[in-house]
Amino acid sequence: MTTGFQVAVDLTVDLDHPASFKMGAGPGGKATFAGGGLKDLTSQLRSGVLRIDNAPEKFDVETAYSNGEFNGVLIYRQCFGPQTVLLHVVNDPAKLSDGGYWLWVKSGKYAKLPN
């Protein structure tokens, strides 16, 4: 999926002092994100890819879909090289409530960041 969603990231996760995130709908149906260090990074997406330089050991990713659904996940960094790729694979793009998986790409053509 390269369209139909927004993404916000909190790079300042503190498990000893968890943040309270608030997500909702703003003007024109655009999602709003607040709480902790959560920042909407949708404008930084390039063909559905978000690049996070110097990612911390753990970070939170919140995704809002055009159908009004939200999904959040705490991700722990796994370093297999200077750059790694993390994919969010949804079970059914037409029914996002069916969930999906976050997968670290370790080899193959998807292991490299697109140019």
C-alpha atoms as a PDB file:
ATOM      1  CA  MET A   1       0.000   0.000   0.000  1.00  0.00           C
ATOM      2  CA  THR A   2       1.403   3.367  -0.897  1.00  0.00           C
ATOM      3  CA  THR A   3      -1.687   5.527  -0.257  1.00  0.00           C
ATOM      4  CA  GLY A   4      -4.731   5.662   1.992  1.00  0.00           C
ATOM      5  CA  PHE A   5      -2.917   5.892   5.295  1.00  0.00           C
ATOM      6  CA  GLN A   6      -1.042   8.256   7.598  1.00  0.00           C
ATOM      7  CA  VAL A   7       1.807   7.362   9.898  1.00  0.00           C
ATOM      8  CA  ALA A   8       3.067   8.908  13.132  1.00  0.00           C
ATOM      9  CA  VAL A   9       6.168   7.864  15.064  1.00  0.00           C
ATOM     10  CA  ASP A  10       7.343   8.409  18.650  1.00  0.00           C
ATOM     11  CA  LEU A  11      11.128   8.096  18.743  1.00  0.00           C
ATOM     12  CA  THR A  12      11.253   8.947  22.479  1.00  0.00           C
ATOM     13  CA  VAL A  13       9.563   5.858  23.958  1.00  0.00           C
ATOM     14  CA  ASP A  14      10.219   5.387  27.688  1.00  0.00           C
ATOM     15  CA  LEU A  15       8.799   2.086  28.942  1.00  0.00           C
ATOM     16  CA  ASP A  16       9.155   3.243  32.575  1.00  0.00           C
ATOM     17  CA  HIS A  17       7.002   6.306  31.824  1.00  0.00           C
ATOM     18  CA  PRO A  18       4.627   5.334  29.007  1.00  0.00           C
ATOM     19  CA  ALA A  19       3.016   8.124  27.030  1.00  0.00           C
ATOM     20  CA  SER A  20      -0.709   8.421  26.516  1.00  0.00           C
ATOM     21  CA  PHE A  21      -1.404   8.741  22.802  1.00  0.00           C
ATOM     22  CA  LYS A  22      -4.576  10.308  21.411  1.00  0.00           C
ATOM     23  CA  MET A  23      -5.642   9.766  17.836  1.00  0.00           C
ATOM     24  CA  GLY A  24      -8.707  11.094  16.120  1.00  0.00           C
ATOM     25  CA  ALA A  25     -10.160  12.684  13.017  1.00  0.00           C
ATOM     26  CA  GLY A  26      -9.435  16.267  12.105  1.00  0.00           C
ATOM     27  CA  PRO A  27     -10.636  18.556   9.338  1.00  0.00           C
ATOM     28  CA  GLY A  28     -11.311  16.854   6.020  1.00  0.00           C
ATOM     29  CA  GLY A  29     -11.002  13.387   7.562  1.00  0.00           C
ATOM     30  CA  LYS A  30      -7.285  13.763   8.162  1.00  0.00           C
ATOM     31  CA  ALA A  31      -6.092  11.850  11.246  1.00  0.00           C
ATOM     32  CA  THR A  32      -4.663  13.717  14.217  1.00  0.00           C
ATOM     33  CA  PHE A  33      -1.949  12.369  16.516  1.00  0.00           C
ATOM     34  CA  ALA A  34      -0.975  13.659  19.972  1.00  0.00           C
ATOM     35  CA  GLY A  35       0.843  12.557  23.104  1.00  0.00           C
ATOM     36  CA  GLY A  36       4.395  11.678  24.054  1.00  0.00           C
ATOM     37  CA  GLY A  37       6.834  12.426  21.248  1.00  0.00           C
ATOM     38  CA  LEU A  38       4.355  11.308  18.583  1.00  0.00           C
ATOM     39  CA  LYS A  39       4.874  13.176  15.291  1.00  0.00           C
ATOM     40  CA  ASP A  40       2.945  12.782  12.041  1.00  0.00           C
ATOM     41  CA  LEU A  41       5.549  11.791   9.436  1.00  0.00           C
ATOM     42  CA  THR A  42       3.147  11.119   6.574  1.00  0.00           C
ATOM     43  CA  SER A  43       4.667  13.955   4.515  1.00  0.00           C
ATOM     44  CA  GLN A  44       8.013  12.103   4.619  1.00  0.00           C
ATOM     45  CA  LEU A  45       6.625   8.944   2.977  1.00  0.00           C
ATOM     46  CA  ARG A  46       8.070   8.230  -0.472  1.00  0.00           C
ATOM     47  CA  SER A  47       6.119   5.585  -2.428  1.00  0.00           C
ATOM     48  CA  GLY A  48       4.859   4.148   0.862  1.00  0.00           C
ATOM     49  CA  VAL A  49       8.358   4.069   2.406  1.00  0.00           C
ATOM     50  CA  LEU A  50       9.313   5.975   5.557  1.00  0.00           C
ATOM     51  CA  ARG A  51      13.017   6.354   6.243  1.00  0.00           C
ATOM     52  CA  ILE A  52      14.050   6.827   9.874  1.00  0.00           C
ATOM     53  CA  ASP A  53      17.708   7.774  10.220  1.00  0.00           C
ATOM     54  CA  ASN A  54      19.414   6.782  13.488  1.00  0.00           C
ATOM     55  CA  ALA A  55      16.374   4.910  14.777  1.00  0.00           C
ATOM     56  CA  PRO A  56      16.432   4.435  18.552  1.00  0.00           C
ATOM     57  CA  GLU A  57      16.464   1.009  20.219  1.00  0.00           C
ATOM     58  CA  LYS A  58      12.667   1.099  20.444  1.00  0.00           C
ATOM     59  CA  PHE A  59      10.037   3.318  18.868  1.00  0.00           C
ATOM     60  CA  ASP A  60       6.268   3.444  18.501  1.00  0.00           C
ATOM     61  CA  VAL A  61       4.509   3.540  15.123  1.00  0.00           C
ATOM     62  CA  GLU A  62       0.855   4.602  14.884  1.00  0.00           C
ATOM     63  CA  THR A  63      -0.947   4.172  11.567  1.00  0.00           C
ATOM     64  CA  ALA A  64      -4.300   5.687  10.586  1.00  0.00           C
ATOM     65  CA  TYR A  65      -6.145   4.300   7.574  1.00  0.00           C
ATOM     66  CA  SER A  66      -8.614   6.140   5.343  1.00  0.00           C
ATOM     67  CA  ASN A  67     -11.463   3.950   6.620  1.00  0.00           C
ATOM     68  CA  GLY A  68     -11.004   5.407  10.134  1.00  0.00           C
ATOM     69  CA  GLU A  69      -9.096   2.491  11.632  1.00  0.00           C
ATOM     70  CA  PHE A  70      -5.929   2.956  13.689  1.00  0.00           C
ATOM     71  CA  ASN A  71      -3.115   0.528  14.430  1.00  0.00           C
ATOM     72  CA  GLY A  72      -0.213   0.964  16.836  1.00  0.00           C
ATOM     73  CA  VAL A  73       2.902  -1.068  17.536  1.00  0.00           C
ATOM     74  CA  LEU A  74       6.043  -0.813  19.667  1.00  0.00           C
ATOM     75  CA  ILE A  75       9.016  -1.817  17.530  1.00  0.00           C
ATOM     76  CA  TYR A  76      12.429  -2.908  18.771  1.00  0.00           C
ATOM     77  CA  ARG A  77      15.272  -2.129  16.379  1.00  0.00           C
ATOM     78  CA  GLN A  78      17.173  -5.071  14.917  1.00  0.00           C
ATOM     79  CA  CYS A  79      20.476  -4.163  13.321  1.00  0.00           C
ATOM     80  CA  PHE A  80      21.548  -6.447  10.521  1.00  0.00           C
ATOM     81  CA  GLY A  81      23.604  -3.745   8.822  1.00  0.00           C
ATOM     82  CA  PRO A  82      23.912   0.028   8.614  1.00  0.00           C
ATOM     83  CA  GLN A  83      20.413   0.151   7.116  1.00  0.00           C
ATOM     84  CA  THR A  84      17.578  -2.316   7.474  1.00  0.00           C
ATOM     85  CA  VAL A  85      14.087  -2.547   6.067  1.00  0.00           C
ATOM     86  CA  LEU A  86      10.951  -3.160   8.114  1.00  0.00           C
ATOM     87  CA  LEU A  87       7.772  -4.054   6.235  1.00  0.00           C
ATOM     88  CA  HIS A  88       4.195  -3.777   7.466  1.00  0.00           C
ATOM     89  CA  VAL A  89       2.317  -6.547   5.718  1.00  0.00           C
ATOM     90  CA  VAL A  90      -1.473  -6.345   6.057  1.00  0.00           C
ATOM     91  CA  ASN A  91      -3.600  -9.482   5.789  1.00  0.00           C
ATOM     92  CA  ASP A  92      -6.296  -7.816   3.671  1.00  0.00           C
ATOM     93  CA  PRO A  93      -6.042  -4.190   2.452  1.00  0.00           C
ATOM     94  CA  ALA A  94      -9.839  -4.135   2.056  1.00  0.00           C
ATOM     95  CA  LYS A  95     -10.352  -5.177   5.692  1.00  0.00           C
ATOM     96  CA  LEU A  96      -7.557  -3.670   7.766  1.00  0.00           C
ATOM     97  CA  SER A  97      -9.185  -4.830  10.997  1.00  0.00           C
ATOM     98  CA  ASP A  98      -7.899  -8.320  10.076  1.00  0.00           C
ATOM     99  CA  GLY A  99      -4.458  -7.078  11.167  1.00  0.00           C
ATOM    100  CA  GLY A 100      -1.051  -7.670   9.734  1.00  0.00           C
ATOM    101  CA  TYR A 101       2.587  -8.307  10.580  1.00  0.00           C
ATOM    102  CA  TRP A 102       5.765  -6.245  10.949  1.00  0.00           C
ATOM    103  CA  LEU A 103       8.651  -8.117   9.333  1.00  0.00           C
ATOM    104  CA  TRP A 104      12.377  -7.287   9.277  1.00  0.00           C
ATOM    105  CA  VAL A 105      13.811  -7.996   5.819  1.00  0.00           C
ATOM    106  CA  LYS A 106      17.103  -9.847   6.164  1.00  0.00           C
ATOM    107  CA  SER A 107      17.906 -10.800   2.562  1.00  0.00           C
ATOM    108  CA  GLY A 108      16.646 -10.617  -0.995  1.00  0.00           C
ATOM    109  CA  LYS A 109      15.591  -7.732  -3.207  1.00  0.00           C
ATOM    110  CA  TYR A 110      13.571  -6.008  -0.441  1.00  0.00           C
ATOM    111  CA  ALA A 111      16.570  -5.878   1.932  1.00  0.00           C
ATOM    112  CA  LYS A 112      17.840  -2.760   0.144  1.00  0.00           C
ATOM    113  CA  LEU A 113      16.220   0.638   0.487  1.00  0.00           C
ATOM    114  CA  PRO A 114      14.703   1.835  -2.786  1.00  0.00           C
ATOM    115  CA  ASN A 115      16.552   4.660  -4.550  1.00  0.00           C
END
